[in-house]
Amino acid sequence: MKLVIQGKNIEITEAIHEYVHQKIEKAVNHFQNLTTEVDVHLSVARNPRINPKQTAEVTIYANGAVVRAEESSENLYASIDLVANKIARQLRKYKEKRHEKTHAPVKATEVITPETVDSSLVDTDRTPTLPNEVVRMKYFAMPPMTVEQALEQLELVDHDFSCSATLKLVKLTSSMNATTAATG
């Protein structure tokens, strides 16, 4: 497992490095086979009006999935403790979902009845439109996935999404999958 620790407005001392390593190692210990890389970002807000000032953010890359958690408090060590506990819960939840999917029995009705889509519902001439106000844009490679997998990925990233943005993303993912299935 690769551990990368970065700081913003703070010098990462040997004591902080050891503490982060100890806490993250303990949180990820049972999930060593899942995790490939762990990125830790520690930051201190210099603005006195921002409260709490100490933030710890952990991003874990686990078998193609991204698990992210962020916590803030008045004390950097407390933030590290909080984010380590949160990331351990999220990894446990991710592992349990994977376990349930791989060990779930397949029902005969699921295999026999294929889903058909009414061609009148699919609008091939429509082009996707973006909202008028864009807060932030990110580009990243994304493999084809089902709607359930897309929702699970959104849940693991631990960002706040509005309902319409989530639905648009799910619709966009679904239309991308239908396009790749039709062309591929």
Protein backbone atom coordinates (compact mmCIF):
# COMPACT_ATOMS: atom_id res chain seq x y z
CA MET A 1 0.00 0.00 0.00
CA LYS A 2 1.34 3.38 -1.02
CA LEU A 3 0.78 6.17 1.53
CA VAL A 4 1.14 9.79 0.37
CA ILE A 5 0.86 12.57 2.98
CA GLN A 6 0.60 16.20 1.88
CA GLY A 7 0.13 19.39 3.84
CA LYS A 8 -1.33 22.78 3.04
CA ASN A 9 -0.28 25.69 5.28
CA ILE A 10 1.38 23.16 7.57
CA GLU A 11 4.76 21.47 7.74
CA ILE A 12 4.46 17.70 7.98
CA THR A 13 6.74 16.85 10.89
CA GLU A 14 8.00 13.37 11.65
CA ALA A 15 5.55 13.13 14.59
CA ILE A 16 2.57 14.01 12.38
CA HIS A 17 3.79 11.60 9.69
CA GLU A 18 4.09 8.75 12.19
CA TYR A 19 0.68 9.51 13.74
CA VAL A 20 -1.03 9.56 10.34
CA HIS A 21 0.75 6.38 9.29
CA GLN A 22 -0.27 4.61 12.51
CA LYS A 23 -3.94 5.67 12.35
CA ILE A 24 -4.44 5.05 8.62
CA GLU A 25 -2.59 1.74 8.81
CA LYS A 26 -4.90 0.65 11.63
CA ALA A 27 -8.02 1.79 9.72
CA VAL A 28 -6.99 0.08 6.48
CA ASN A 29 -5.40 -2.99 8.09
CA HIS A 30 -8.27 -5.41 7.39
CA PHE A 31 -8.62 -4.13 3.83
CA GLN A 32 -5.00 -4.43 2.64
CA ASN A 33 -6.03 -6.63 -0.28
CA LEU A 34 -8.45 -3.93 -1.51
CA THR A 35 -6.36 -0.77 -1.21
CA THR A 36 -3.66 0.21 -3.68
CA GLU A 37 -2.96 3.82 -2.70
CA VAL A 38 -3.89 6.13 0.17
CA ASP A 39 -3.65 9.93 -0.21
CA VAL A 40 -3.81 12.04 2.95
CA HIS A 41 -4.19 15.82 2.73
CA LEU A 42 -3.78 17.81 5.95
CA SER A 43 -4.59 21.50 5.93
CA VAL A 44 -4.78 24.42 8.32
CA ALA A 45 -7.02 27.37 7.53
CA ARG A 46 -5.21 30.66 8.07
CA ASN A 47 -8.42 32.69 8.08
CA PRO A 48 -9.45 33.25 11.73
CA ARG A 49 -13.13 33.28 10.75
CA ILE A 50 -13.02 29.68 9.53
CA ASN A 51 -13.92 27.34 12.32
CA PRO A 52 -12.84 24.49 12.69
CA LYS A 53 -9.40 25.19 11.30
CA GLN A 54 -7.68 21.78 11.09
CA THR A 55 -8.81 19.48 8.26
CA ALA A 56 -7.79 15.93 7.37
CA GLU A 57 -8.89 14.41 4.06
CA VAL A 58 -8.21 10.79 3.07
CA THR A 59 -8.69 9.33 -0.41
CA ILE A 60 -8.29 5.58 -0.88
CA TYR A 61 -8.06 3.90 -4.26
CA ALA A 62 -9.50 0.41 -3.84
CA ASN A 63 -9.84 -1.94 -6.82
CA GLY A 64 -11.12 0.72 -9.20
CA ALA A 65 -13.29 2.43 -6.59
CA VAL A 66 -12.50 5.67 -4.79
CA VAL A 67 -13.34 5.94 -1.10
CA ARG A 68 -13.02 9.44 0.34
CA ALA A 69 -13.58 11.01 3.75
CA GLU A 70 -12.97 14.45 5.20
CA GLU A 71 -13.16 15.69 8.78
CA SER A 72 -12.39 19.01 10.46
CA SER A 73 -11.88 20.05 14.08
CA GLU A 74 -9.93 22.46 16.25
CA ASN A 75 -7.10 19.94 16.69
CA LEU A 76 -5.23 18.26 13.81
CA TYR A 77 -4.79 15.01 15.74
CA ALA A 78 -8.52 14.91 16.49
CA SER A 79 -9.25 15.45 12.78
CA ILE A 80 -6.94 12.56 11.91
CA ASP A 81 -8.72 10.32 14.46
CA LEU A 82 -12.15 11.27 13.12
CA VAL A 83 -11.22 10.71 9.48
CA ALA A 84 -9.53 7.37 10.27
CA ASN A 85 -12.71 6.13 11.97
CA LYS A 86 -14.87 7.36 9.11
CA ILE A 87 -12.70 5.78 6.42
CA ALA A 88 -12.69 2.45 8.31
CA ARG A 89 -16.51 2.48 8.39
CA GLN A 90 -16.70 3.29 4.68
CA LEU A 91 -14.23 0.55 3.75
CA ARG A 92 -16.15 -1.98 5.86
CA LYS A 93 -19.38 -0.95 4.12
CA TYR A 94 -17.71 -1.21 0.69
CA LYS A 95 -16.30 -4.66 1.47
CA GLU A 96 -19.67 -5.91 2.77
CA LYS A 97 -21.44 -4.71 -0.39
CA ARG A 98 -18.85 -6.46 -2.56
CA HIS A 99 -19.21 -9.63 -0.49
CA GLU A 100 -23.02 -9.58 -0.76
CA LYS A 101 -22.83 -9.16 -4.55
CA THR A 102 -20.37 -11.99 -5.08
CA HIS A 103 -22.11 -14.45 -2.75
CA ALA A 104 -25.71 -13.64 -3.61
CA PRO A 105 -27.57 -16.52 -5.24
CA VAL A 106 -28.69 -15.95 -8.82
CA LYS A 107 -32.41 -16.31 -9.32
CA ALA A 108 -33.57 -18.20 -12.39
CA THR A 109 -36.07 -15.47 -13.29
CA GLU A 110 -33.28 -12.88 -13.44
CA VAL A 111 -31.36 -14.94 -15.95
CA ILE A 112 -34.34 -15.93 -18.13
CA THR A 113 -36.13 -12.59 -18.54
CA PRO A 114 -34.03 -9.98 -20.37
CA GLU A 115 -34.97 -6.32 -20.09
CA THR A 116 -36.24 -4.68 -23.25
CA VAL A 117 -36.32 -0.94 -23.84
CA ASP A 118 -39.09 0.66 -25.83
CA SER A 119 -37.42 2.42 -28.76
CA SER A 120 -39.90 5.33 -28.54
CA LEU A 121 -38.47 6.21 -25.10
CA VAL A 122 -34.91 6.56 -26.39
CA ASP A 123 -34.23 9.95 -27.97
CA THR A 124 -31.11 9.60 -30.11
CA ASP A 125 -31.22 13.17 -31.49
CA ARG A 126 -30.98 14.86 -28.11
CA THR A 127 -27.63 16.29 -27.08
CA PRO A 128 -26.68 16.54 -23.42
CA THR A 129 -26.81 20.04 -21.93
CA LEU A 130 -24.92 21.37 -18.96
CA PRO A 131 -26.42 23.60 -16.29
CA ASN A 132 -25.96 27.36 -16.69
CA GLU A 133 -23.80 27.69 -13.58
CA VAL A 134 -20.80 25.36 -13.26
CA VAL A 135 -19.20 25.35 -9.83
CA ARG A 136 -16.31 22.99 -10.58
CA MET A 137 -15.36 20.70 -13.46
CA LYS A 138 -13.38 17.50 -13.11
CA TYR A 139 -12.31 15.11 -15.83
CA PHE A 140 -11.42 11.52 -15.11
CA ALA A 141 -11.53 8.13 -16.80
CA MET A 142 -14.67 6.19 -15.96
CA PRO A 143 -15.38 2.63 -17.05
CA PRO A 144 -18.90 1.67 -18.16
CA MET A 145 -21.11 0.81 -15.17
CA THR A 146 -24.70 0.20 -14.24
CA VAL A 147 -26.90 2.76 -12.51
CA GLU A 148 -26.50 0.94 -9.19
CA GLN A 149 -22.71 0.97 -9.53
CA ALA A 150 -22.75 4.70 -10.36
CA LEU A 151 -24.84 5.45 -7.27
CA GLU A 152 -22.52 3.33 -5.13
CA GLN A 153 -19.49 5.24 -6.47
CA LEU A 154 -21.18 8.58 -5.68
CA GLU A 155 -21.88 7.37 -2.15
CA LEU A 156 -18.27 6.26 -1.59
CA VAL A 157 -16.81 9.59 -2.70
CA ASP A 158 -18.58 11.32 0.22
CA HIS A 159 -19.38 14.56 -1.61
CA ASP A 160 -22.63 16.44 -1.27
CA PHE A 161 -24.65 16.11 -4.47
CA SER A 162 -28.01 17.63 -5.14
CA CYS A 163 -30.71 15.21 -6.19
CA SER A 164 -30.93 16.65 -9.71
CA ALA A 165 -27.16 16.48 -10.18
CA THR A 166 -27.14 12.85 -9.05
CA LEU A 167 -30.00 11.97 -11.37
CA LYS A 168 -28.31 13.77 -14.28
CA LEU A 169 -25.09 11.89 -13.61
CA VAL A 170 -26.94 8.57 -13.42
CA LYS A 171 -28.81 9.38 -16.65
CA LEU A 172 -25.57 10.44 -18.31
CA THR A 173 -23.87 7.24 -17.17
CA SER A 174 -26.80 5.16 -18.39
CA SER A 175 -26.84 6.87 -21.78
CA MET A 176 -23.05 6.44 -22.06
CA ASN A 177 -23.42 2.72 -21.32
CA ALA A 178 -26.21 2.38 -23.89
CA THR A 179 -24.07 4.17 -26.48
CA THR A 180 -21.03 1.99 -25.83
CA ALA A 181 -23.17 -1.15 -25.89
CA ALA A 182 -24.72 -0.13 -29.20
CA THR A 183 -21.41 0.82 -30.84
CA GLY A 184 -19.17 -1.72 -29.15
